[in-house]
């Protein structure tokens, strides 16, 4: 279990996904290329509780 600033987050299966936290975007064509990139990705390590900071790039064709 990860702890972050006094909160506890349990790791669960797909049924535990909070869909109200997800952001969606329109899909316009079958040839659409999507790239999401940020240099400000941060997360809490579930083992140490310390912050993990990274550059994140997601590229895909839906």
PDB file of N, CA and C in Angstrom:
ATOM      1  N   UNK A   1       0.821  -1.177   0.000  1.00  0.00           N
ATOM      2  CA  UNK A   1       0.000   0.000   0.000  1.00  0.00           C
ATOM      3  C   UNK A   1       0.872   1.250   0.000  1.00  0.00           C
ATOM      4  N   UNK A   2       0.536   2.227  -0.826  1.00  0.00           N
ATOM      5  CA  UNK A   2       1.293   3.473  -0.875  1.00  0.00           C
ATOM      6  C   UNK A   2       0.679   4.497   0.065  1.00  0.00           C
ATOM      7  N   UNK A   3       1.523   5.272   0.701  1.00  0.00           N
ATOM      8  CA  UNK A   3       1.048   6.357   1.562  1.00  0.00           C
ATOM      9  C   UNK A   3       1.576   7.666   1.002  1.00  0.00           C
ATOM     10  N   UNK A   4       0.713   8.661   0.925  1.00  0.00           N
ATOM     11  CA  UNK A   4       1.119   9.975   0.446  1.00  0.00           C
ATOM     12  C   UNK A   4       0.429  11.035   1.288  1.00  0.00           C
ATOM     13  N   UNK A   5       1.217  11.772   2.030  1.00  0.00           N
ATOM     14  CA  UNK A   5       0.701  12.871   2.845  1.00  0.00           C
ATOM     15  C   UNK A   5      -0.499  12.450   3.676  1.00  0.00           C
ATOM     16  N   UNK A   6      -0.385  11.340   4.370  1.00  0.00           N
ATOM     17  CA  UNK A   6      -1.449  10.903   5.260  1.00  0.00           C
ATOM     18  C   UNK A   6      -2.577  10.141   4.600  1.00  0.00           C
ATOM     19  N   UNK A   7      -2.512   9.938   3.285  1.00  0.00           N
ATOM     20  CA  UNK A   7      -3.556   9.190   2.591  1.00  0.00           C
ATOM     21  C   UNK A   7      -3.040   7.802   2.249  1.00  0.00           C
ATOM     22  N   UNK A   8      -3.939   6.844   2.205  1.00  0.00           N
ATOM     23  CA  UNK A   8      -3.580   5.475   1.847  1.00  0.00           C
ATOM     24  C   UNK A   8      -4.297   5.111   0.552  1.00  0.00           C
ATOM     25  N   UNK A   9      -3.537   4.589  -0.408  1.00  0.00           N
ATOM     26  CA  UNK A   9      -4.096   4.178  -1.687  1.00  0.00           C
ATOM     27  C   UNK A   9      -3.878   2.682  -1.844  1.00  0.00           C
ATOM     28  N   UNK A  10      -4.945   1.932  -1.913  1.00  0.00           N
ATOM     29  CA  UNK A  10      -4.828   0.490  -2.093  1.00  0.00           C
ATOM     30  C   UNK A  10      -4.716   0.173  -3.578  1.00  0.00           C
ATOM     31  N   UNK A  11      -3.905  -0.820  -3.911  1.00  0.00           N
ATOM     32  CA  UNK A  11      -3.766  -1.268  -5.285  1.00  0.00           C
ATOM     33  C   UNK A  11      -4.805  -2.352  -5.527  1.00  0.00           C
ATOM     34  N   UNK A  12      -5.760  -2.064  -6.416  1.00  0.00           N
ATOM     35  CA  UNK A  12      -6.852  -2.989  -6.692  1.00  0.00           C
ATOM     36  C   UNK A  12      -6.877  -3.307  -8.185  1.00  0.00           C
ATOM     37  N   UNK A  13      -7.821  -4.118  -8.604  1.00  0.00           N
ATOM     38  CA  UNK A  13      -7.966  -4.489 -10.005  1.00  0.00           C
ATOM     39  C   UNK A  13      -8.714  -3.430 -10.799  1.00  0.00           C
ATOM     40  N   UNK A  14      -9.086  -3.745 -12.041  1.00  0.00           N
ATOM     41  CA  UNK A  14      -9.792  -2.807 -12.911  1.00  0.00           C
ATOM     42  C   UNK A  14     -11.096  -2.272 -12.314  1.00  0.00           C
ATOM     43  N   UNK A  15     -11.742  -3.044 -11.453  1.00  0.00           N
ATOM     44  CA  UNK A  15     -12.984  -2.567 -10.842  1.00  0.00           C
ATOM     45  C   UNK A  15     -12.747  -1.391  -9.904  1.00  0.00           C
ATOM     46  N   UNK A  16     -11.515  -1.181  -9.478  1.00  0.00           N
ATOM     47  CA  UNK A  16     -11.197  -0.087  -8.571  1.00  0.00           C
ATOM     48  C   UNK A  16     -10.859   1.221  -9.268  1.00  0.00           C
ATOM     49  N   UNK A  17     -10.933   1.265 -10.602  1.00  0.00           N
ATOM     50  CA  UNK A  17     -10.598   2.480 -11.353  1.00  0.00           C
ATOM     51  C   UNK A  17     -11.680   3.529 -11.136  1.00  0.00           C
ATOM     52  N   UNK A  18     -11.257   4.722 -10.743  1.00  0.00           N
ATOM     53  CA  UNK A  18     -12.186   5.837 -10.542  1.00  0.00           C
ATOM     54  C   UNK A  18     -12.389   6.535 -11.890  1.00  0.00           C
ATOM     55  N   UNK A  19     -13.477   6.218 -12.587  1.00  0.00           N
ATOM     56  CA  UNK A  19     -13.714   6.783 -13.913  1.00  0.00           C
ATOM     57  C   UNK A  19     -13.938   8.288 -13.864  1.00  0.00           C
ATOM     58  N   UNK A  20     -14.343   8.830 -12.709  1.00  0.00           N
ATOM     59  CA  UNK A  20     -14.525  10.277 -12.613  1.00  0.00           C
ATOM     60  C   UNK A  20     -13.179  11.014 -12.601  1.00  0.00           C
ATOM     61  N   UNK A  21     -12.057  10.305 -12.456  1.00  0.00           N
ATOM     62  CA  UNK A  21     -10.727  10.907 -12.505  1.00  0.00           C
ATOM     63  C   UNK A  21     -10.166  10.929 -13.926  1.00  0.00           C
ATOM     64  N   UNK A  22     -10.763  10.175 -14.855  1.00  0.00           N
ATOM     65  CA  UNK A  22     -10.230  10.031 -16.205  1.00  0.00           C
ATOM     66  C   UNK A  22     -10.671  11.179 -17.099  1.00  0.00           C
ATOM     67  N   UNK A  23      -9.759  11.632 -17.961  1.00  0.00           N
ATOM     68  CA  UNK A  23     -10.081  12.647 -18.953  1.00  0.00           C
ATOM     69  C   UNK A  23     -10.153  11.968 -20.318  1.00  0.00           C
ATOM     70  N   UNK A  24     -11.120  12.352 -21.141  1.00  0.00           N
ATOM     71  CA  UNK A  24     -11.277  11.757 -22.468  1.00  0.00           C
ATOM     72  C   UNK A  24     -11.134  12.826 -23.544  1.00  0.00           C
ATOM     73  N   UNK A  25     -10.923  12.391 -24.773  1.00  0.00           N
ATOM     74  CA  UNK A  25     -10.836  13.302 -25.905  1.00  0.00           C
ATOM     75  C   UNK A  25     -11.453  12.617 -27.108  1.00  0.00           C
ATOM     76  N   UNK A  26     -11.871  13.423 -28.087  1.00  0.00           N
ATOM     77  CA  UNK A  26     -12.583  12.915 -29.264  1.00  0.00           C
ATOM     78  C   UNK A  26     -11.670  12.071 -30.144  1.00  0.00           C
ATOM     79  N   UNK A  27     -12.264  11.076 -30.786  1.00  0.00           N
ATOM     80  CA  UNK A  27     -11.575  10.231 -31.757  1.00  0.00           C
ATOM     81  C   UNK A  27     -12.157  10.563 -33.117  1.00  0.00           C
ATOM     82  N   UNK A  28     -11.363  11.238 -33.978  1.00  0.00           N
ATOM     83  CA  UNK A  28     -11.879  11.763 -35.237  1.00  0.00           C
ATOM     84  C   UNK A  28     -11.743  10.826 -36.432  1.00  0.00           C
ATOM     85  N   UNK A  29     -10.702  10.008 -36.478  1.00  0.00           N
ATOM     86  CA  UNK A  29     -10.504   9.162 -37.650  1.00  0.00           C
ATOM     87  C   UNK A  29      -9.699   7.922 -37.284  1.00  0.00           C
ATOM     88  N   UNK A  30      -9.814   6.861 -38.084  1.00  0.00           N
ATOM     89  CA  UNK A  30      -9.055   5.641 -37.796  1.00  0.00           C
ATOM     90  C   UNK A  30      -7.546   5.813 -38.021  1.00  0.00           C
ATOM     91  N   UNK A  31      -7.130   6.873 -38.707  1.00  0.00           N
ATOM     92  CA  UNK A  31      -5.706   7.109 -38.968  1.00  0.00           C
ATOM     93  C   UNK A  31      -5.110   8.128 -37.995  1.00  0.00           C
ATOM     94  N   UNK A  32      -5.820   8.414 -36.942  1.00  0.00           N
ATOM     95  CA  UNK A  32      -5.383   9.438 -35.998  1.00  0.00           C
ATOM     96  C   UNK A  32      -4.186   8.966 -35.165  1.00  0.00           C
ATOM     97  N   UNK A  33      -3.195   9.836 -35.032  1.00  0.00           N
ATOM     98  CA  UNK A  33      -2.007   9.583 -34.210  1.00  0.00           C
ATOM     99  C   UNK A  33      -2.117  10.458 -32.970  1.00  0.00           C
ATOM    100  N   UNK A  34      -1.906   9.887 -31.814  1.00  0.00           N
ATOM    101  CA  UNK A  34      -2.036  10.638 -30.569  1.00  0.00           C
ATOM    102  C   UNK A  34      -0.710  10.601 -29.824  1.00  0.00           C
ATOM    103  N   UNK A  35      -0.270  11.782 -29.380  1.00  0.00           N
ATOM    104  CA  UNK A  35       0.951  11.885 -28.580  1.00  0.00           C
ATOM    105  C   UNK A  35       0.671  12.820 -27.407  1.00  0.00           C
ATOM    106  N   UNK A  36       0.880  12.312 -26.219  1.00  0.00           N
ATOM    107  CA  UNK A  36       0.750  13.114 -25.001  1.00  0.00           C
ATOM    108  C   UNK A  36       2.122  13.132 -24.342  1.00  0.00           C
ATOM    109  N   UNK A  37       2.612  14.326 -24.014  1.00  0.00           N
ATOM    110  CA  UNK A  37       3.966  14.451 -23.476  1.00  0.00           C
ATOM    111  C   UNK A  37       3.989  15.478 -22.355  1.00  0.00           C
ATOM    112  N   UNK A  38       4.696  15.168 -21.293  1.00  0.00           N
ATOM    113  CA  UNK A  38       4.880  16.115 -20.197  1.00  0.00           C
ATOM    114  C   UNK A  38       6.234  15.880 -19.542  1.00  0.00           C
ATOM    115  N   UNK A  39       6.846  16.957 -19.101  1.00  0.00           N
ATOM    116  CA  UNK A  39       8.110  16.843 -18.366  1.00  0.00           C
ATOM    117  C   UNK A  39       7.867  17.004 -16.870  1.00  0.00           C
ATOM    118  N   UNK A  40       6.600  17.061 -16.479  1.00  0.00           N
ATOM    119  CA  UNK A  40       6.246  17.284 -15.079  1.00  0.00           C
ATOM    120  C   UNK A  40       5.443  16.127 -14.501  1.00  0.00           C
ATOM    121  N   UNK A  41       5.795  14.896 -14.842  1.00  0.00           N
ATOM    122  CA  UNK A  41       5.108  13.726 -14.304  1.00  0.00           C
ATOM    123  C   UNK A  41       5.691  13.396 -12.938  1.00  0.00           C
ATOM    124  N   UNK A  42       4.826  13.248 -11.951  1.00  0.00           N
ATOM    125  CA  UNK A  42       5.305  12.856 -10.621  1.00  0.00           C
ATOM    126  C   UNK A  42       4.344  11.850 -10.011  1.00  0.00           C
ATOM    127  N   UNK A  43       4.897  10.979  -9.206  1.00  0.00           N
ATOM    128  CA  UNK A  43       4.122   9.941  -8.532  1.00  0.00           C
ATOM    129  C   UNK A  43       4.807   9.628  -7.212  1.00  0.00           C
ATOM    130  N   UNK A  44       4.118   8.890  -6.370  1.00  0.00           N
ATOM    131  CA  UNK A  44       4.693   8.467  -5.099  1.00  0.00           C
ATOM    132  C   UNK A  44       5.082   7.000  -5.218  1.00  0.00           C
ATOM    133  N   UNK A  45       6.318   6.683  -4.885  1.00  0.00           N
ATOM    134  CA  UNK A  45       6.789   5.302  -4.924  1.00  0.00           C
ATOM    135  C   UNK A  45       6.000   4.479  -3.910  1.00  0.00           C
ATOM    136  N   UNK A  46       5.370   3.379  -4.349  1.00  0.00           N
ATOM    137  CA  UNK A  46       4.571   2.577  -3.417  1.00  0.00           C
ATOM    138  C   UNK A  46       5.414   1.823  -2.389  1.00  0.00           C
ATOM    139  N   UNK A  47       6.716   1.747  -2.603  1.00  0.00           N
ATOM    140  CA  UNK A  47       7.582   1.013  -1.675  1.00  0.00           C
ATOM    141  C   UNK A  47       8.224   1.923  -0.636  1.00  0.00           C
ATOM    142  N   UNK A  48       8.751   3.078  -1.089  1.00  0.00           N
ATOM    143  CA  UNK A  48       9.463   3.960  -0.163  1.00  0.00           C
ATOM    144  C   UNK A  48       8.625   5.141   0.304  1.00  0.00           C
ATOM    145  N   UNK A  49       7.566   5.478  -0.461  1.00  0.00           N
ATOM    146  CA  UNK A  49       6.777   6.661  -0.142  1.00  0.00           C
ATOM    147  C   UNK A  49       7.424   7.946  -0.625  1.00  0.00           C
ATOM    148  N   UNK A  50       8.578   7.836  -1.289  1.00  0.00           N
ATOM    149  CA  UNK A  50       9.279   9.006  -1.807  1.00  0.00           C
ATOM    150  C   UNK A  50       8.735   9.382  -3.180  1.00  0.00           C
ATOM    151  N   UNK A  51       8.892  10.651  -3.578  1.00  0.00           N
ATOM    152  CA  UNK A  51       8.393  11.062  -4.889  1.00  0.00           C
ATOM    153  C   UNK A  51       9.251  10.508  -6.022  1.00  0.00           C
ATOM    154  N   UNK A  52       8.593  10.133  -7.106  1.00  0.00           N
ATOM    155  CA  UNK A  52       9.257   9.747  -8.347  1.00  0.00           C
ATOM    156  C   UNK A  52       8.923  10.832  -9.363  1.00  0.00           C
ATOM    157  N   UNK A  53       9.925  11.376 -10.026  1.00  0.00           N
ATOM    158  CA  UNK A  53       9.725  12.451 -10.990  1.00  0.00           C
ATOM    159  C   UNK A  53      10.296  11.987 -12.325  1.00  0.00           C
ATOM    160  N   UNK A  54       9.536  12.226 -13.421  1.00  0.00           N
ATOM    161  CA  UNK A  54       9.980  11.728 -14.721  1.00  0.00           C
ATOM    162  C   UNK A  54       9.386  12.554 -15.850  1.00  0.00           C
ATOM    163  N   UNK A  55       9.927  12.350 -17.030  1.00  0.00           N
ATOM    164  CA  UNK A  55       9.350  12.851 -18.276  1.00  0.00           C
ATOM    165  C   UNK A  55       8.533  11.700 -18.834  1.00  0.00           C
ATOM    166  N   UNK A  56       7.304  11.966 -19.249  1.00  0.00           N
ATOM    167  CA  UNK A  56       6.414  10.910 -19.721  1.00  0.00           C
ATOM    168  C   UNK A  56       5.957  11.213 -21.141  1.00  0.00           C
ATOM    169  N   UNK A  57       6.093  10.224 -22.029  1.00  0.00           N
ATOM    170  CA  UNK A  57       5.632  10.345 -23.411  1.00  0.00           C
ATOM    171  C   UNK A  57       4.784   9.123 -23.728  1.00  0.00           C
ATOM    172  N   UNK A  58       3.558   9.367 -24.193  1.00  0.00           N
ATOM    173  CA  UNK A  58       2.665   8.287 -24.618  1.00  0.00           C
ATOM    174  C   UNK A  58       2.326   8.551 -26.078  1.00  0.00           C
ATOM    175  N   UNK A  59       2.651   7.597 -26.957  1.00  0.00           N
ATOM    176  CA  UNK A  59       2.351   7.709 -28.380  1.00  0.00           C
ATOM    177  C   UNK A  59       1.589   6.463 -28.816  1.00  0.00           C
ATOM    178  N   UNK A  60       0.492   6.666 -29.539  1.00  0.00           N
ATOM    179  CA  UNK A  60      -0.240   5.496 -30.025  1.00  0.00           C
ATOM    180  C   UNK A  60      -1.217   5.857 -31.132  1.00  0.00           C
ATOM    181  N   UNK A  61      -1.632   4.833 -31.852  1.00  0.00           N
ATOM    182  CA  UNK A  61      -2.687   4.919 -32.855  1.00  0.00           C
ATOM    183  C   UNK A  61      -3.879   4.146 -32.304  1.00  0.00           C
ATOM    184  N   UNK A  62      -4.983   4.822 -31.988  1.00  0.00           N
ATOM    185  CA  UNK A  62      -6.143   4.096 -31.422  1.00  0.00           C
ATOM    186  C   UNK A  62      -6.831   3.216 -32.453  1.00  0.00           C
TER     187      UNK A  62
END
